[in-house]
Protein backbone atom coordinates (compact mmCIF):
# COMPACT_ATOMS: atom_id res chain seq x y z
CA UNK A 1 3.59 -14.10 -19.25
CA UNK A 2 3.70 -11.16 -16.86
CA UNK A 3 5.94 -8.29 -17.86
CA UNK A 4 5.33 -6.05 -14.88
CA UNK A 5 4.77 -6.99 -11.29
CA UNK A 6 4.22 -4.32 -8.66
CA UNK A 7 5.96 -6.47 -6.09
CA UNK A 8 9.25 -5.52 -7.71
CA UNK A 9 10.04 -7.86 -10.58
CA UNK A 10 9.42 -6.66 -14.10
CA UNK A 11 10.56 -7.00 -17.67
CA UNK A 12 12.63 -4.00 -18.71
CA UNK A 13 11.76 -2.94 -22.25
CA UNK A 14 14.30 -1.07 -24.35
CA UNK A 15 13.93 2.57 -23.34
CA UNK A 16 16.29 5.45 -22.55
CA UNK A 17 15.67 5.74 -18.80
CA UNK A 18 18.42 5.22 -16.24
CA UNK A 19 18.99 1.69 -15.02
CA UNK A 20 20.08 0.61 -11.59
CA UNK A 21 22.74 -2.12 -11.73
CA UNK A 22 21.36 -5.47 -10.71
CA UNK A 23 22.92 -8.04 -8.45
CA UNK A 24 23.60 -11.36 -10.16
CA UNK A 25 20.32 -13.15 -10.79
CA UNK A 26 18.18 -10.07 -10.02
CA UNK A 27 16.27 -7.98 -12.57
CA UNK A 28 17.61 -4.62 -13.66
CA UNK A 29 15.59 -1.84 -12.05
CA UNK A 30 14.44 1.43 -13.58
CA UNK A 31 15.75 4.33 -11.47
CA UNK A 32 12.83 6.57 -12.42
CA UNK A 33 10.35 3.97 -11.17
CA UNK A 34 12.35 3.48 -7.98
CA UNK A 35 12.26 7.25 -7.29
CA UNK A 36 8.52 7.38 -8.00
CA UNK A 37 7.84 4.36 -5.75
CA UNK A 38 9.83 5.90 -2.89
CA UNK A 39 8.11 9.30 -3.24
CA UNK A 40 4.67 7.66 -3.39
CA UNK A 41 5.35 5.54 -0.30
CA UNK A 42 4.72 2.34 -2.23
CA UNK A 43 6.35 0.18 0.45
CA UNK A 44 3.65 1.32 2.91
CA UNK A 45 0.75 0.06 0.80
CA UNK A 46 2.09 -3.04 -0.94
CA UNK A 47 -0.16 -6.06 -0.52
CA UNK A 48 1.93 -9.07 -1.57
CA UNK A 49 0.07 -11.20 -4.10
CA UNK A 50 -2.80 -8.70 -4.54
CA UNK A 51 -1.90 -7.70 -8.12
CA UNK A 52 -1.66 -11.33 -9.19
CA UNK A 53 -4.99 -12.10 -7.47
CA UNK A 54 -6.67 -9.23 -9.32
CA UNK A 55 -5.33 -10.49 -12.66
CA UNK A 56 -6.49 -14.01 -11.81
CA UNK A 57 -9.97 -12.65 -11.03
CA UNK A 58 -10.05 -10.90 -14.42
CA UNK A 59 -9.01 -14.13 -16.15
CA UNK A 60 -11.59 -16.20 -14.28
CA UNK A 61 -14.63 -14.11 -15.14
CA UNK A 62 -15.00 -11.59 -12.32
CA UNK A 63 -18.41 -9.88 -12.37
CA UNK A 64 -16.50 -6.59 -12.31
CA UNK A 65 -14.78 -7.32 -15.65
CA UNK A 66 -17.49 -7.53 -18.28
CA UNK A 67 -16.96 -8.51 -21.91
CA UNK A 68 -17.71 -4.89 -22.86
CA UNK A 69 -15.06 -3.54 -20.47
CA UNK A 70 -12.52 -6.02 -21.81
CA UNK A 71 -13.31 -5.04 -25.41
CA UNK A 72 -12.96 -1.33 -24.63
CA UNK A 73 -9.73 -1.89 -22.72
CA UNK A 74 -8.16 -3.81 -25.61
CA UNK A 75 -9.20 -1.10 -28.08
CA UNK A 76 -7.69 1.59 -25.86
CA UNK A 77 -4.43 -0.27 -25.23
CA UNK A 78 -3.98 -0.81 -28.97
CA UNK A 79 -4.32 2.94 -29.57
CA UNK A 80 -1.93 3.99 -26.80
CA UNK A 81 1.12 5.70 -28.27
CA UNK A 82 2.08 2.96 -30.75
CA UNK A 83 5.33 4.74 -31.64
CA UNK A 84 6.53 5.00 -28.02
CA UNK A 85 9.37 2.56 -27.39
CA UNK A 86 7.74 0.93 -24.35
CA UNK A 87 4.70 0.04 -26.47
CA UNK A 88 6.64 -0.98 -29.58
CA UNK A 89 6.86 -4.57 -28.40
CA UNK A 90 4.06 -6.70 -27.04
CA UNK A 91 5.34 -6.64 -23.47
CA UNK A 92 4.66 -2.94 -22.88
CA UNK A 93 1.12 -3.32 -24.17
CA UNK A 94 0.62 -6.47 -22.11
CA UNK A 95 1.85 -4.69 -18.97
CA UNK A 96 -0.55 -1.78 -19.56
CA UNK A 97 -3.41 -4.15 -20.27
CA UNK A 98 -2.70 -6.13 -17.08
CA UNK A 99 -2.48 -2.97 -15.00
CA UNK A 100 -5.82 -1.70 -16.33
CA UNK A 101 -7.48 -5.09 -15.78
CA UNK A 102 -6.25 -5.09 -12.18
CA UNK A 103 -7.58 -1.53 -11.76
CA UNK A 104 -11.03 -2.48 -13.09
CA UNK A 105 -11.31 -5.43 -10.70
CA UNK A 106 -9.94 -3.43 -7.75
CA UNK A 107 -12.34 -0.56 -8.48
CA UNK A 108 -15.34 -2.89 -8.70
CA UNK A 109 -14.40 -4.67 -5.48
CA UNK A 110 -13.89 -1.34 -3.71
CA UNK A 111 -17.33 -0.11 -4.79
CA UNK A 112 -18.87 -3.39 -3.65
CA UNK A 113 -17.27 -3.01 -0.20
CA UNK A 114 -18.53 0.58 0.04
CA UNK A 115 -22.08 -0.48 -0.89
CA UNK A 116 -21.98 -3.14 1.82
CA UNK A 117 -20.76 -0.58 4.36
CA UNK A 118 -23.48 1.89 3.28
CA UNK A 119 -26.15 -0.79 3.60
CA UNK A 120 -25.06 -1.78 7.08
CA UNK A 121 -24.87 1.87 8.18
CA UNK A 122 -28.22 2.78 6.65
CA UNK A 123 -31.45 2.05 8.48
CA UNK A 124 -33.34 1.33 5.27
CA UNK A 125 -30.59 -0.72 3.59
CA UNK A 126 -30.35 1.61 0.59
CA UNK A 127 -27.02 2.28 -1.11
CA UNK A 128 -25.74 4.47 -3.91
CA UNK A 129 -25.94 1.43 -6.20
CA UNK A 130 -22.76 2.30 -8.08
CA UNK A 131 -21.05 -0.70 -9.63
CA UNK A 132 -17.70 1.09 -9.62
CA UNK A 133 -15.98 3.45 -7.21
CA UNK A 134 -14.30 5.44 -9.99
CA UNK A 135 -14.81 3.37 -13.14
CA UNK A 136 -12.78 2.73 -16.25
CA UNK A 137 -13.11 5.16 -19.14
CA UNK A 138 -11.20 5.66 -22.35
CA UNK A 139 -8.18 7.80 -21.65
CA UNK A 140 -7.22 6.29 -18.27
CA UNK A 141 -4.32 4.66 -20.03
């Protein structure tokens, strides 16, 4: 079950934010998210299917998503504002967990691409050796 999907379809948990009326058969949209997405230029960087592919990679044992990272992520998600309405039900926690999993895979893949570019640009083939571009640490959530 996917509660949040960057491509535009998401479960709307009970929360006090403004809602945009939906057309019949379409999901209700959060106005705050829509304003943020417009200001951030989200339409310019959307890669259809990328989020789902990242989640699939996490599920299928990506080398970028170790057992230790998964354990730490689940600990952190469980401690994230348990009284906040969006995290009161399982869907808010699942959405956060999925988003962080996608970030971990994306970050690992980005670092891998950078290492490959460094190696091809370097005469001696040496790279920084980092396994992550930024990394996942407690508190990102």
